[in-house]
Amino acid sequence: MGGLIGMLVVGLIVGWVARAVMPGTQSMGLILTAVLGVAGSFLAGFLGQAVGFYQAGQGAGFIGSVVGALVLLFAVGKLKGGSPGGSSGSGSA
């Protein structure tokens, strides 16, 4: 149980750092920020193992996790149809 809580806390920190680094506004709450960080860590670990940065079963480091979260933030921004780091709201004409 303690491992899960620790993973969520680290995921929250990683997600918060990724959101702070990415330009523009990302409207997501605390839970989605933690999910973003945890998913970014998994993505970084998976890709790191695929290219040989990490051994099988070894987790990604903090910086790798932030990079993974940034990749996910960028992808979500593209899928939503907005600019990668900016808001997609319409201006007044």
N, C-alpha and C. Protein backbone atom coordinates (compact mmCIF):
# COMPACT_ATOMS: atom_id res chain seq x y z
N MET A 1 0.82 -1.20 0.00
CA MET A 1 0.00 0.00 0.00
C MET A 1 0.86 1.25 0.00
N GLY A 2 1.96 1.22 0.77
CA GLY A 2 2.85 2.38 0.83
C GLY A 2 3.54 2.64 -0.50
N GLY A 3 3.83 1.58 -1.24
CA GLY A 3 4.46 1.73 -2.55
C GLY A 3 3.55 2.42 -3.54
N LEU A 4 2.26 2.11 -3.48
CA LEU A 4 1.29 2.73 -4.37
C LEU A 4 1.14 4.22 -4.05
N ILE A 5 1.07 4.55 -2.78
CA ILE A 5 0.95 5.96 -2.39
C ILE A 5 2.21 6.72 -2.79
N GLY A 6 3.37 6.12 -2.59
CA GLY A 6 4.62 6.75 -2.99
C GLY A 6 4.67 6.98 -4.49
N MET A 7 4.21 5.99 -5.27
CA MET A 7 4.19 6.13 -6.71
C MET A 7 3.26 7.27 -7.14
N LEU A 8 2.12 7.41 -6.48
CA LEU A 8 1.19 8.49 -6.82
C LEU A 8 1.76 9.86 -6.46
N VAL A 9 2.47 9.93 -5.33
CA VAL A 9 3.07 11.21 -4.93
C VAL A 9 4.16 11.61 -5.92
N VAL A 10 5.01 10.65 -6.28
CA VAL A 10 6.06 10.95 -7.27
C VAL A 10 5.42 11.29 -8.61
N GLY A 11 4.36 10.57 -8.99
CA GLY A 11 3.65 10.88 -10.23
C GLY A 11 3.07 12.28 -10.22
N LEU A 12 2.54 12.70 -9.08
CA LEU A 12 2.00 14.05 -8.96
C LEU A 12 3.11 15.09 -9.16
N ILE A 13 4.26 14.85 -8.56
CA ILE A 13 5.38 15.79 -8.71
C ILE A 13 5.87 15.82 -10.16
N VAL A 14 6.01 14.64 -10.77
CA VAL A 14 6.47 14.56 -12.16
C VAL A 14 5.46 15.26 -13.08
N GLY A 15 4.17 15.00 -12.88
CA GLY A 15 3.15 15.65 -13.70
C GLY A 15 3.14 17.15 -13.52
N TRP A 16 3.32 17.60 -12.29
CA TRP A 16 3.36 19.04 -12.02
C TRP A 16 4.55 19.69 -12.71
N VAL A 17 5.73 19.05 -12.65
CA VAL A 17 6.92 19.60 -13.31
C VAL A 17 6.70 19.64 -14.82
N ALA A 18 6.13 18.58 -15.39
CA ALA A 18 5.88 18.55 -16.84
C ALA A 18 4.92 19.66 -17.25
N ARG A 19 3.87 19.87 -16.45
CA ARG A 19 2.92 20.94 -16.77
C ARG A 19 3.57 22.31 -16.63
N ALA A 20 4.49 22.46 -15.68
CA ALA A 20 5.18 23.74 -15.49
C ALA A 20 6.14 24.03 -16.64
N VAL A 21 6.76 22.99 -17.18
CA VAL A 21 7.74 23.16 -18.26
C VAL A 21 7.06 23.40 -19.60
N MET A 22 5.94 22.73 -19.84
CA MET A 22 5.22 22.86 -21.11
C MET A 22 4.58 24.23 -21.20
N PRO A 23 4.86 24.99 -22.28
CA PRO A 23 4.24 26.31 -22.41
C PRO A 23 2.74 26.21 -22.63
N GLY A 24 2.02 27.25 -22.26
CA GLY A 24 0.58 27.28 -22.41
C GLY A 24 -0.11 26.78 -21.16
N THR A 25 -1.41 26.66 -21.26
CA THR A 25 -2.19 26.19 -20.12
C THR A 25 -2.74 24.80 -20.39
N GLN A 26 -2.65 23.96 -19.39
CA GLN A 26 -3.23 22.62 -19.46
C GLN A 26 -4.25 22.54 -18.34
N SER A 27 -5.50 22.46 -18.72
CA SER A 27 -6.56 22.44 -17.70
C SER A 27 -6.82 21.00 -17.26
N MET A 28 -6.15 20.61 -16.18
CA MET A 28 -6.39 19.30 -15.59
C MET A 28 -6.21 19.43 -14.09
N GLY A 29 -6.91 18.62 -13.37
CA GLY A 29 -6.88 18.68 -11.92
C GLY A 29 -5.74 17.89 -11.32
N LEU A 30 -5.79 17.75 -10.02
CA LEU A 30 -4.75 17.07 -9.27
C LEU A 30 -4.63 15.60 -9.65
N ILE A 31 -5.75 14.92 -9.79
CA ILE A 31 -5.73 13.49 -10.11
C ILE A 31 -5.19 13.25 -11.51
N LEU A 32 -5.63 14.04 -12.49
CA LEU A 32 -5.11 13.87 -13.84
C LEU A 32 -3.63 14.22 -13.93
N THR A 33 -3.18 15.17 -13.13
CA THR A 33 -1.76 15.50 -13.10
C THR A 33 -0.95 14.32 -12.57
N ALA A 34 -1.45 13.65 -11.53
CA ALA A 34 -0.77 12.46 -10.99
C ALA A 34 -0.79 11.33 -12.01
N VAL A 35 -1.91 11.13 -12.68
CA VAL A 35 -2.00 10.09 -13.72
C VAL A 35 -1.02 10.39 -14.85
N LEU A 36 -0.92 11.65 -15.23
CA LEU A 36 0.02 12.06 -16.27
C LEU A 36 1.45 11.70 -15.87
N GLY A 37 1.82 11.99 -14.63
CA GLY A 37 3.17 11.68 -14.16
C GLY A 37 3.46 10.20 -14.12
N VAL A 38 2.51 9.42 -13.62
CA VAL A 38 2.70 7.96 -13.55
C VAL A 38 2.77 7.38 -14.96
N ALA A 39 1.88 7.81 -15.85
CA ALA A 39 1.89 7.32 -17.23
C ALA A 39 3.17 7.74 -17.94
N GLY A 40 3.65 8.95 -17.67
CA GLY A 40 4.92 9.41 -18.26
C GLY A 40 6.08 8.57 -17.79
N SER A 41 6.06 8.16 -16.55
CA SER A 41 7.11 7.31 -16.01
C SER A 41 7.09 5.94 -16.68
N PHE A 42 5.89 5.37 -16.85
CA PHE A 42 5.77 4.09 -17.54
C PHE A 42 6.25 4.21 -18.99
N LEU A 43 5.86 5.29 -19.67
CA LEU A 43 6.28 5.49 -21.05
C LEU A 43 7.80 5.61 -21.15
N ALA A 44 8.40 6.38 -20.25
CA ALA A 44 9.85 6.54 -20.26
C ALA A 44 10.56 5.22 -19.97
N GLY A 45 10.03 4.45 -19.03
CA GLY A 45 10.62 3.15 -18.73
C GLY A 45 10.53 2.19 -19.90
N PHE A 46 9.37 2.16 -20.56
CA PHE A 46 9.17 1.28 -21.71
C PHE A 46 10.10 1.67 -22.86
N LEU A 47 10.11 2.96 -23.21
CA LEU A 47 10.96 3.41 -24.31
C LEU A 47 12.44 3.29 -23.96
N GLY A 48 12.78 3.55 -22.70
CA GLY A 48 14.17 3.42 -22.26
C GLY A 48 14.67 1.99 -22.36
N GLN A 49 13.82 1.02 -22.04
CA GLN A 49 14.18 -0.38 -22.19
C GLN A 49 14.29 -0.76 -23.66
N ALA A 50 13.43 -0.19 -24.51
CA ALA A 50 13.45 -0.51 -25.93
C ALA A 50 14.74 -0.05 -26.60
N VAL A 51 15.29 1.08 -26.16
CA VAL A 51 16.52 1.59 -26.79
C VAL A 51 17.76 1.24 -25.98
N GLY A 52 17.61 0.57 -24.85
CA GLY A 52 18.75 0.10 -24.09
C GLY A 52 19.24 1.01 -22.98
N PHE A 53 18.47 2.05 -22.62
CA PHE A 53 18.86 2.93 -21.51
C PHE A 53 18.69 2.26 -20.16
N TYR A 54 17.64 1.44 -20.05
CA TYR A 54 17.31 0.77 -18.80
C TYR A 54 17.29 -0.73 -19.03
N GLN A 55 17.58 -1.49 -17.96
CA GLN A 55 17.48 -2.93 -18.02
C GLN A 55 16.04 -3.35 -17.77
N ALA A 56 15.71 -4.59 -18.11
CA ALA A 56 14.35 -5.09 -17.89
C ALA A 56 14.01 -5.02 -16.40
N GLY A 57 12.87 -4.45 -16.08
CA GLY A 57 12.44 -4.33 -14.70
C GLY A 57 12.93 -3.08 -14.00
N GLN A 58 13.81 -2.33 -14.64
CA GLN A 58 14.34 -1.10 -14.03
C GLN A 58 13.44 0.07 -14.42
N GLY A 59 13.05 0.85 -13.46
CA GLY A 59 12.18 1.99 -13.72
C GLY A 59 12.96 3.18 -14.27
N ALA A 60 12.23 4.10 -14.85
CA ALA A 60 12.84 5.31 -15.39
C ALA A 60 13.22 6.25 -14.25
N GLY A 61 14.21 7.08 -14.46
CA GLY A 61 14.60 8.08 -13.49
C GLY A 61 13.65 9.26 -13.52
N PHE A 62 13.90 10.23 -12.65
CA PHE A 62 13.01 11.39 -12.54
C PHE A 62 12.97 12.18 -13.83
N ILE A 63 14.14 12.47 -14.41
CA ILE A 63 14.18 13.27 -15.63
C ILE A 63 13.51 12.52 -16.79
N GLY A 64 13.78 11.22 -16.89
CA GLY A 64 13.12 10.42 -17.92
C GLY A 64 11.61 10.42 -17.75
N SER A 65 11.15 10.38 -16.52
CA SER A 65 9.71 10.41 -16.25
C SER A 65 9.10 11.74 -16.67
N VAL A 66 9.81 12.83 -16.40
CA VAL A 66 9.31 14.15 -16.80
C VAL A 66 9.25 14.24 -18.32
N VAL A 67 10.28 13.72 -19.00
CA VAL A 67 10.28 13.73 -20.47
C VAL A 67 9.12 12.89 -21.00
N GLY A 68 8.88 11.73 -20.41
CA GLY A 68 7.74 10.91 -20.82
C GLY A 68 6.42 11.64 -20.62
N ALA A 69 6.28 12.33 -19.50
CA ALA A 69 5.05 13.10 -19.24
C ALA A 69 4.91 14.25 -20.24
N LEU A 70 6.02 14.89 -20.61
CA LEU A 70 5.97 15.96 -21.62
C LEU A 70 5.52 15.41 -22.97
N VAL A 71 6.01 14.23 -23.34
CA VAL A 71 5.59 13.61 -24.59
C VAL A 71 4.08 13.35 -24.57
N LEU A 72 3.58 12.85 -23.43
CA LEU A 72 2.15 12.60 -23.32
C LEU A 72 1.34 13.89 -23.36
N LEU A 73 1.82 14.94 -22.70
CA LEU A 73 1.13 16.23 -22.73
C LEU A 73 1.07 16.77 -24.15
N PHE A 74 2.17 16.65 -24.88
CA PHE A 74 2.22 17.11 -26.27
C PHE A 74 1.22 16.33 -27.12
N ALA A 75 1.21 15.00 -26.96
CA ALA A 75 0.31 14.15 -27.73
C ALA A 75 -1.16 14.46 -27.43
N VAL A 76 -1.49 14.66 -26.16
CA VAL A 76 -2.86 14.99 -25.79
C VAL A 76 -3.25 16.35 -26.38
N GLY A 77 -2.33 17.31 -26.36
CA GLY A 77 -2.60 18.62 -26.96
C GLY A 77 -2.88 18.52 -28.44
N LYS A 78 -2.13 17.66 -29.13
CA LYS A 78 -2.34 17.46 -30.56
C LYS A 78 -3.66 16.75 -30.84
N LEU A 79 -3.98 15.76 -30.02
CA LEU A 79 -5.23 15.03 -30.22
C LEU A 79 -6.46 15.90 -29.95
N LYS A 80 -6.32 16.84 -29.01
CA LYS A 80 -7.43 17.74 -28.73
C LYS A 80 -7.60 18.77 -29.83
N GLY A 81 -6.59 18.94 -30.68
CA GLY A 81 -6.72 19.85 -31.81
C GLY A 81 -6.14 21.23 -31.57
N GLY A 82 -5.61 21.48 -30.41
CA GLY A 82 -5.02 22.78 -30.12
C GLY A 82 -3.56 22.82 -30.50
N SER A 83 -2.94 23.96 -30.31
CA SER A 83 -1.51 24.05 -30.52
C SER A 83 -0.82 23.26 -29.42
N PRO A 84 0.43 22.82 -29.62
CA PRO A 84 1.08 21.92 -28.67
C PRO A 84 1.13 22.46 -27.26
N GLY A 85 1.40 23.74 -27.08
CA GLY A 85 1.52 24.23 -25.72
C GLY A 85 0.54 25.34 -25.41
N GLY A 86 -0.17 25.80 -26.38
CA GLY A 86 -1.07 26.92 -26.15
C GLY A 86 -2.49 26.49 -25.94
N SER A 87 -3.33 27.48 -25.66
CA SER A 87 -4.75 27.17 -25.49
C SER A 87 -5.41 27.17 -26.85
N SER A 88 -6.48 26.43 -26.99
CA SER A 88 -7.17 26.32 -28.27
C SER A 88 -8.46 27.12 -28.30
N GLY A 89 -8.58 28.10 -27.44
CA GLY A 89 -9.79 28.92 -27.39
C GLY A 89 -9.84 29.86 -28.58
N SER A 90 -11.03 30.26 -28.95
CA SER A 90 -11.17 31.15 -30.10
C SER A 90 -11.13 32.59 -29.61
N GLY A 91 -10.52 33.42 -30.42
CA GLY A 91 -10.42 34.83 -30.09
C GLY A 91 -11.65 35.58 -30.59
N SER A 92 -11.78 36.84 -30.22
CA SER A 92 -12.91 37.62 -30.69
C SER A 92 -12.60 38.17 -32.07
N ALA A 93 -13.60 38.25 -32.91
CA ALA A 93 -13.41 38.70 -34.29
C ALA A 93 -13.86 40.12 -34.46
